[in-house]
Amino acid sequence: MLCVLAVIAGCAAPAKPAAGPAAGTQKPLSELTPLADPRAFDGPSTAVLDQADVVPVERNPVSRLPVTVTDHQGTSVTVTDTSRILAFDMSGTLAATVFALGLGDRVVGRDVSTAFPAAADLPLVTVNGHQLNAEATLRLRPSVVITDTTLGPWDVVLQLREVGVPVVVVDSRRGMDNNGALVRQIATALGVPEAGERVATRLDEEISAKKAEIARFIPADPAKRPRVAFLYLRGQAGVYYLFGPGSGVDSLLSALGAVDVAAELGLSGMRPLNAEALAKAKPDVLLVMSKGLASVGGVEGALRVPGIAQTPAGLHKRFVDMADHQVLSFGPHTAGVLDALARALYVPAAGR
């Protein structure tokens, strides 16, 4: 999977975060009427977060330092200063979590996936998509780094350790089942375990409440539940992947009551797209990242990707796109992502 991530990392172009719609402008899910058959809708839809920013549980909690932790790689790391935090990973989850803990004012840089409005003016430490820039990273003089194994080159991380920066490596897996554990890892390393418990509890409550709201949208007849395939598209490089169980997509689709066609095919992780297998899987909806869809020329261009036009989704142009830095970010945005995807799947004409 790491090899696949390396290929993907070189294909995304950096961009400054754009401000989304004003928070709280969408109608609550409880006021929306889902389609009787979500497979009967023609045309694309975009999933949009109602709250694009990260809401902290408190402002600037006091870090109890020093703290020594054993990170995900089994390395003992002592953190003595959290005044200049760098948190970077492929999905932008780590920095979002630091902001949720109330430590956003101490974050000194961002990766390209940390694209929520509050982080918009932070300097980038990544180039050419998700490649770490050693000079840019060291220039920020971080007092502590929180990262995982999804960004490289790893030599940059080693350079940070060599100059004495405490580097805490956390779990790289993303999904709803380990949201709380990841929050606690980060909070403990930064000396704010109580704030971590509050964030983890809030996440669990938000996700449970959102699942309950979505439950009434899910067709009682399993045959009417949308069959969904998550495709990673990068047209400039000719990179096309189908994401399956283990990629995080499966937990989203399960919460949405959708059928994961990759799981039906017996695929896991991230696999090169097989046109024949995709056509046979007959997805009703293709879930894609917004920049990925744009990279192939939009919906019409996507229909020229082998296998897509032969699916019910292709025939009816049922594409659901969502911002690259949001759809698989999990962490503080999880409930919002579920809300946005539920609208796009079940109420595509009036979801906002």
Protein backbone atom coordinates (compact mmCIF):
# COMPACT_ATOMS: atom_id res chain seq x y z
CA MET A 1 0.00 0.00 0.00
CA LEU A 2 2.88 2.37 0.72
CA CYS A 3 4.11 1.89 -2.86
CA VAL A 4 0.70 2.89 -4.13
CA LEU A 5 0.72 5.94 -1.88
CA ALA A 6 4.09 6.93 -3.29
CA VAL A 7 2.69 6.84 -6.81
CA ILE A 8 -0.38 8.81 -5.78
CA ALA A 9 1.68 11.35 -3.85
CA GLY A 10 3.50 12.53 -6.92
CA CYS A 11 0.31 13.14 -8.87
CA ALA A 12 -1.48 15.81 -6.84
CA ALA A 13 -0.80 19.50 -7.36
CA PRO A 14 -0.62 21.89 -4.42
CA ALA A 15 -3.24 24.57 -4.05
CA LYS A 16 -4.13 27.16 -1.46
CA PRO A 17 -7.27 26.21 0.45
CA ALA A 18 -10.39 27.90 -0.81
CA ALA A 19 -13.05 29.17 1.55
CA GLY A 20 -16.19 27.04 1.37
CA PRO A 21 -19.79 28.08 1.87
CA ALA A 22 -20.70 29.80 5.11
CA ALA A 23 -21.06 27.30 7.92
CA GLY A 24 -24.59 26.34 8.88
CA THR A 25 -26.22 27.29 5.56
CA GLN A 26 -27.40 23.80 4.67
CA LYS A 27 -30.77 22.46 5.75
CA PRO A 28 -30.56 19.76 8.43
CA LEU A 29 -30.82 16.20 7.13
CA SER A 30 -34.00 15.85 9.17
CA GLU A 31 -35.70 18.39 6.89
CA LEU A 32 -34.79 16.62 3.66
CA THR A 33 -36.75 13.93 1.85
CA PRO A 34 -34.57 11.22 0.29
CA LEU A 35 -35.28 9.73 -3.11
CA ALA A 36 -37.47 6.65 -3.04
CA ASP A 37 -34.82 4.94 -5.14
CA PRO A 38 -31.39 6.67 -5.00
CA ARG A 39 -30.36 4.80 -8.15
CA ALA A 40 -33.04 6.60 -10.18
CA PHE A 41 -31.25 9.96 -10.26
CA ASP A 42 -29.32 11.03 -13.35
CA GLY A 43 -26.34 13.35 -13.36
CA PRO A 44 -23.40 14.27 -11.10
CA SER A 45 -23.47 15.71 -7.59
CA THR A 46 -20.89 17.39 -5.39
CA ALA A 47 -20.62 16.65 -1.66
CA VAL A 48 -19.91 19.84 0.30
CA LEU A 49 -19.08 20.20 3.99
CA ASP A 50 -21.45 22.48 5.87
CA GLN A 51 -18.61 23.33 8.29
CA ALA A 52 -15.30 23.38 6.42
CA ASP A 53 -13.26 24.60 9.37
CA VAL A 54 -12.18 22.72 12.47
CA VAL A 55 -13.91 23.67 15.73
CA PRO A 56 -11.59 23.38 18.76
CA VAL A 57 -12.89 21.90 22.02
CA GLU A 58 -11.12 24.72 23.88
CA ARG A 59 -8.68 27.51 23.19
CA ASN A 60 -4.97 27.02 23.80
CA PRO A 61 -4.99 24.38 26.56
CA VAL A 62 -1.88 24.24 28.74
CA SER A 63 0.51 21.45 27.75
CA ARG A 64 1.82 19.49 30.71
CA LEU A 65 5.45 18.89 29.78
CA PRO A 66 7.83 17.17 29.53
CA VAL A 67 6.10 14.03 28.35
CA THR A 68 7.69 10.82 27.08
CA VAL A 69 5.73 8.57 24.73
CA THR A 70 6.42 5.40 22.79
CA ASP A 71 5.27 6.13 19.26
CA HIS A 72 3.69 3.83 16.69
CA GLN A 73 7.12 2.64 15.53
CA GLY A 74 8.17 1.74 19.07
CA THR A 75 10.46 4.76 19.42
CA SER A 76 10.66 6.52 22.79
CA VAL A 77 10.21 10.26 22.23
CA THR A 78 10.40 13.02 24.84
CA VAL A 79 8.54 16.24 24.08
CA THR A 80 9.57 19.32 26.06
CA ASP A 81 8.17 22.16 23.95
CA THR A 82 4.91 22.48 21.98
CA SER A 83 5.27 26.13 21.01
CA ARG A 84 6.02 25.33 17.34
CA ILE A 85 4.09 22.29 16.13
CA LEU A 86 4.32 20.64 12.73
CA ALA A 87 1.75 17.92 11.99
CA PHE A 88 1.71 16.45 8.49
CA ASP A 89 0.38 13.38 6.70
CA MET A 90 -1.21 12.35 3.41
CA SER A 91 -4.80 13.07 4.48
CA GLY A 92 -4.41 16.22 6.57
CA THR A 93 -5.88 14.44 9.58
CA LEU A 94 -3.05 15.17 11.99
CA ALA A 95 -3.04 18.96 11.71
CA ALA A 96 -6.85 19.01 11.83
CA THR A 97 -6.67 17.06 15.07
CA VAL A 98 -4.12 19.49 16.55
CA PHE A 99 -6.50 22.35 15.71
CA ALA A 100 -9.40 20.44 17.28
CA LEU A 101 -7.36 20.10 20.47
CA GLY A 102 -7.16 23.90 20.60
CA LEU A 103 -3.48 24.12 19.63
CA GLY A 104 -3.95 25.59 16.17
CA ASP A 105 -2.20 28.83 17.11
CA ARG A 106 1.00 26.84 17.67
CA VAL A 107 1.02 25.13 14.25
CA VAL A 108 3.74 26.68 12.08
CA GLY A 109 3.26 24.95 8.72
CA ARG A 110 1.03 22.64 6.74
CA ASP A 111 1.02 19.87 4.16
CA VAL A 112 -1.07 20.25 1.00
CA SER A 113 -3.92 18.21 2.50
CA THR A 114 -4.27 20.52 5.49
CA ALA A 115 -6.67 22.68 3.56
CA PHE A 116 -9.32 23.95 5.96
CA PRO A 117 -9.73 27.75 6.18
CA ALA A 118 -8.01 28.29 9.55
CA ALA A 119 -4.82 26.80 8.16
CA ALA A 120 -4.92 28.58 4.80
CA ASP A 121 -2.12 31.05 5.50
CA LEU A 122 0.38 28.58 6.93
CA PRO A 123 3.48 27.94 4.80
CA LEU A 124 3.60 24.66 2.89
CA VAL A 125 6.17 22.01 3.76
CA THR A 126 5.23 19.86 0.77
CA VAL A 127 6.00 20.28 -2.93
CA ASN A 128 4.88 18.42 -6.06
CA GLY A 129 1.83 17.18 -4.23
CA HIS A 130 2.77 15.27 -1.08
CA GLN A 131 6.58 15.35 -1.19
CA LEU A 132 8.24 16.81 1.89
CA ASN A 133 10.60 19.71 1.30
CA ALA A 134 13.53 19.45 3.71
CA GLU A 135 14.54 23.11 3.48
CA ALA A 136 11.00 24.42 3.99
CA THR A 137 10.43 22.05 6.91
CA LEU A 138 13.68 22.84 8.75
CA ARG A 139 13.27 26.58 8.14
CA LEU A 140 10.15 26.57 10.33
CA ARG A 141 12.20 25.43 13.37
CA PRO A 142 9.53 23.08 14.76
CA SER A 143 9.76 22.21 18.45
CA VAL A 144 7.83 18.96 17.87
CA VAL A 145 6.65 17.02 14.80
CA ILE A 146 3.64 14.72 14.60
CA THR A 147 3.59 12.57 11.45
CA ASP A 148 3.04 9.07 10.10
CA THR A 149 4.58 7.06 7.26
CA THR A 150 2.47 8.38 4.38
CA LEU A 151 4.68 11.32 3.41
CA GLY A 152 8.25 11.20 2.16
CA PRO A 153 11.05 11.18 1.51
CA TRP A 154 11.66 9.64 4.93
CA ASP A 155 15.14 11.18 4.95
CA VAL A 156 13.47 14.52 5.72
CA VAL A 157 11.96 13.07 8.89
CA LEU A 158 15.33 11.60 9.83
CA GLN A 159 16.97 15.01 9.31
CA LEU A 160 14.54 16.51 11.80
CA ARG A 161 15.51 13.90 14.37
CA GLU A 162 19.21 14.44 13.64
CA VAL A 163 18.94 18.14 14.51
CA GLY A 164 17.18 17.31 17.77
CA VAL A 165 13.51 17.78 16.90
CA PRO A 166 11.24 15.27 18.70
CA VAL A 167 9.34 13.36 16.00
CA VAL A 168 6.32 11.33 17.08
CA VAL A 169 5.15 8.82 14.46
CA VAL A 170 1.49 7.85 14.81
CA ASP A 171 -0.72 5.26 13.14
CA SER A 172 -1.15 5.86 9.40
CA ARG A 173 -4.44 3.95 9.18
CA ARG A 174 -7.54 6.11 8.67
CA GLY A 175 -11.09 5.07 9.41
CA MET A 176 -13.93 5.57 11.84
CA ASP A 177 -12.83 2.70 14.05
CA ASN A 178 -9.53 4.31 15.08
CA ASN A 179 -10.46 8.01 15.19
CA GLY A 180 -10.40 8.12 18.97
CA ALA A 181 -7.15 6.19 19.30
CA LEU A 182 -5.41 8.55 16.89
CA VAL A 183 -6.68 11.63 18.74
CA ARG A 184 -5.41 10.22 22.03
CA GLN A 185 -1.98 9.44 20.56
CA ILE A 186 -1.61 13.03 19.39
CA ALA A 187 -3.03 14.62 22.54
CA THR A 188 -0.80 12.57 24.82
CA ALA A 189 2.32 13.49 22.83
CA LEU A 190 1.43 17.19 23.06
CA GLY A 191 0.73 17.07 26.78
CA VAL A 192 -3.02 17.71 26.57
CA PRO A 193 -4.63 14.32 27.31
CA GLU A 194 -7.80 15.86 28.79
CA ALA A 195 -8.43 17.83 25.61
CA GLY A 196 -7.82 14.61 23.68
CA GLU A 197 -10.53 12.81 25.65
CA ARG A 198 -12.93 15.65 24.92
CA VAL A 199 -12.17 15.58 21.19
CA ALA A 200 -12.45 11.77 21.02
CA THR A 201 -15.75 11.80 22.92
CA ARG A 202 -17.12 14.59 20.73
CA LEU A 203 -16.14 12.67 17.60
CA ASP A 204 -17.87 9.50 18.79
CA GLU A 205 -21.03 11.43 19.67
CA GLU A 206 -21.09 13.35 16.38
CA ILE A 207 -20.58 10.20 14.31
CA SER A 208 -23.24 8.24 16.21
CA ALA A 209 -25.73 11.08 15.81
CA LYS A 210 -24.98 11.42 12.10
CA LYS A 211 -25.37 7.68 11.50
CA ALA A 212 -28.77 7.85 13.19
CA GLU A 213 -29.82 10.70 10.90
CA ILE A 214 -28.61 8.86 7.82
CA ALA A 215 -30.37 5.62 8.80
CA ARG A 216 -33.77 6.88 7.61
CA PHE A 217 -32.29 7.61 4.17
CA ILE A 218 -31.11 4.03 3.62
CA PRO A 219 -33.62 2.04 1.55
CA ALA A 220 -35.21 -0.80 3.49
CA ASP A 221 -34.96 -2.95 0.37
CA PRO A 222 -31.28 -3.97 0.05
CA ALA A 223 -31.76 -4.17 -3.73
CA LYS A 224 -32.34 -0.40 -3.83
CA ARG A 225 -29.24 0.53 -1.88
CA PRO A 226 -26.70 2.33 -4.08
CA ARG A 227 -23.78 0.27 -5.28
CA VAL A 228 -20.73 2.51 -4.98
CA ALA A 229 -17.16 2.35 -6.26
CA PHE A 230 -14.53 4.82 -5.04
CA LEU A 231 -12.15 5.66 -7.86
CA TYR A 232 -8.88 7.57 -7.57
CA LEU A 233 -8.29 9.37 -10.86
CA ARG A 234 -5.24 11.33 -11.97
CA GLY A 235 -5.59 11.91 -15.68
CA GLN A 236 -2.30 13.75 -16.21
CA ALA A 237 -0.35 10.67 -15.11
CA GLY A 238 -2.83 8.03 -16.29
CA VAL A 239 -3.24 6.81 -12.70
CA TYR A 240 -6.54 5.06 -11.96
CA TYR A 241 -7.21 3.10 -8.74
CA LEU A 242 -10.16 1.39 -7.14
CA PHE A 243 -10.20 1.77 -3.34
CA GLY A 244 -11.51 -1.13 -1.29
CA PRO A 245 -11.64 -2.40 2.30
CA GLY A 246 -8.67 -1.18 4.32
CA SER A 247 -8.48 2.16 2.51
CA GLY A 248 -10.99 3.87 4.80
CA VAL A 249 -13.61 4.03 2.05
CA ASP A 250 -15.30 0.89 3.36
CA SER A 251 -16.14 2.49 6.72
CA LEU A 252 -17.71 5.47 4.98
CA LEU A 253 -19.82 3.33 2.65
CA SER A 254 -20.95 1.11 5.50
CA ALA A 255 -22.12 4.14 7.51
CA LEU A 256 -23.94 5.44 4.43
CA GLY A 257 -25.75 2.14 3.87
CA ALA A 258 -24.17 1.78 0.44
CA VAL A 259 -22.86 -1.41 -1.13
CA ASP A 260 -19.07 -1.43 -1.51
CA VAL A 261 -18.51 -3.06 -4.90
CA ALA A 262 -14.76 -3.38 -4.27
CA ALA A 263 -15.54 -5.59 -1.27
CA GLU A 264 -17.83 -7.69 -3.44
CA LEU A 265 -14.95 -8.12 -5.89
CA GLY A 266 -12.74 -9.32 -3.06
CA LEU A 267 -10.38 -6.36 -3.42
CA SER A 268 -8.67 -4.63 -0.53
CA GLY A 269 -6.58 -1.50 -0.15
CA MET A 270 -5.86 0.40 -3.34
CA ARG A 271 -5.76 -1.56 -6.58
CA PRO A 272 -5.13 -0.48 -10.19
CA LEU A 273 -8.47 -0.11 -11.93
CA ASN A 274 -9.47 -3.16 -13.97
CA ALA A 275 -11.97 -2.10 -16.64
CA GLU A 276 -13.58 -5.49 -17.04
CA ALA A 277 -13.97 -6.03 -13.29
CA LEU A 278 -15.46 -2.56 -12.82
CA ALA A 279 -18.01 -3.11 -15.58
CA LYS A 280 -19.00 -6.47 -14.08
CA ALA A 281 -19.36 -4.93 -10.61
CA LYS A 282 -22.10 -2.62 -11.95
CA PRO A 283 -21.72 0.34 -9.57
CA ASP A 284 -24.68 2.73 -9.52
CA VAL A 285 -22.51 5.60 -8.29
CA LEU A 286 -18.85 6.48 -8.72
CA LEU A 287 -17.36 8.38 -5.78
CA VAL A 288 -14.32 10.44 -6.75
CA MET A 289 -12.11 13.26 -5.51
CA SER A 290 -12.93 16.63 -7.08
CA LYS A 291 -9.45 17.32 -8.45
CA GLY A 292 -9.28 13.80 -9.75
CA LEU A 293 -12.49 14.26 -11.70
CA ALA A 294 -11.21 17.56 -13.06
CA SER A 295 -7.91 15.94 -14.07
CA VAL A 296 -9.65 13.61 -16.52
CA GLY A 297 -11.79 16.38 -18.02
CA GLY A 298 -14.84 16.18 -15.78
CA VAL A 299 -17.69 13.73 -16.22
CA GLU A 300 -17.37 13.52 -20.00
CA GLY A 301 -13.66 12.84 -19.71
CA ALA A 302 -14.22 10.23 -17.00
CA LEU A 303 -16.52 8.33 -19.34
CA ARG A 304 -13.47 7.74 -21.56
CA VAL A 305 -11.61 5.96 -18.75
CA PRO A 306 -11.79 2.23 -19.63
CA GLY A 307 -14.70 0.47 -17.94
CA ILE A 308 -16.57 3.50 -16.62
CA ALA A 309 -18.96 4.03 -19.53
CA GLN A 310 -20.03 0.39 -19.27
CA THR A 311 -21.35 0.79 -15.71
CA PRO A 312 -24.82 1.98 -14.62
CA ALA A 313 -23.05 4.93 -13.00
CA GLY A 314 -21.41 5.86 -16.29
CA LEU A 315 -24.61 5.37 -18.27
CA HIS A 316 -26.50 7.75 -15.96
CA LYS A 317 -23.48 10.01 -15.23
CA ARG A 318 -23.92 9.41 -11.52
CA PHE A 319 -20.66 10.77 -10.14
CA VAL A 320 -20.33 12.09 -6.61
CA ASP A 321 -17.22 14.19 -6.13
CA MET A 322 -15.82 15.67 -2.94
CA ALA A 323 -12.76 17.79 -2.17
CA ASP A 324 -9.57 15.74 -2.14
CA HIS A 325 -8.55 16.97 1.31
CA GLN A 326 -11.91 16.15 2.86
CA VAL A 327 -13.37 12.89 1.62
CA LEU A 328 -10.84 10.56 3.31
CA SER A 329 -9.61 12.88 6.02
CA PHE A 330 -11.63 11.34 8.88
CA GLY A 331 -10.62 12.89 12.23
CA PRO A 332 -12.58 16.05 13.16
CA HIS A 333 -14.36 16.16 9.78
CA THR A 334 -15.79 12.62 9.88
CA ALA A 335 -19.40 13.47 10.75
CA GLY A 336 -19.42 16.35 8.28
CA VAL A 337 -18.12 14.12 5.50
CA LEU A 338 -20.84 11.56 6.21
CA ASP A 339 -23.45 14.32 6.15
CA ALA A 340 -22.19 15.69 2.82
CA LEU A 341 -21.98 12.28 1.17
CA ALA A 342 -25.45 11.29 2.40
CA ARG A 343 -26.89 14.41 0.77
CA ALA A 344 -25.09 13.73 -2.50
CA LEU A 345 -26.18 10.08 -2.57
CA TYR A 346 -29.76 10.32 -1.33
CA VAL A 347 -30.90 13.92 -1.91
CA PRO A 348 -28.76 15.02 -4.88
CA ALA A 349 -31.18 17.67 -6.16
CA ALA A 350 -31.78 19.45 -2.86
CA GLY A 351 -29.07 18.30 -0.47
CA ARG A 352 -27.77 21.75 0.44
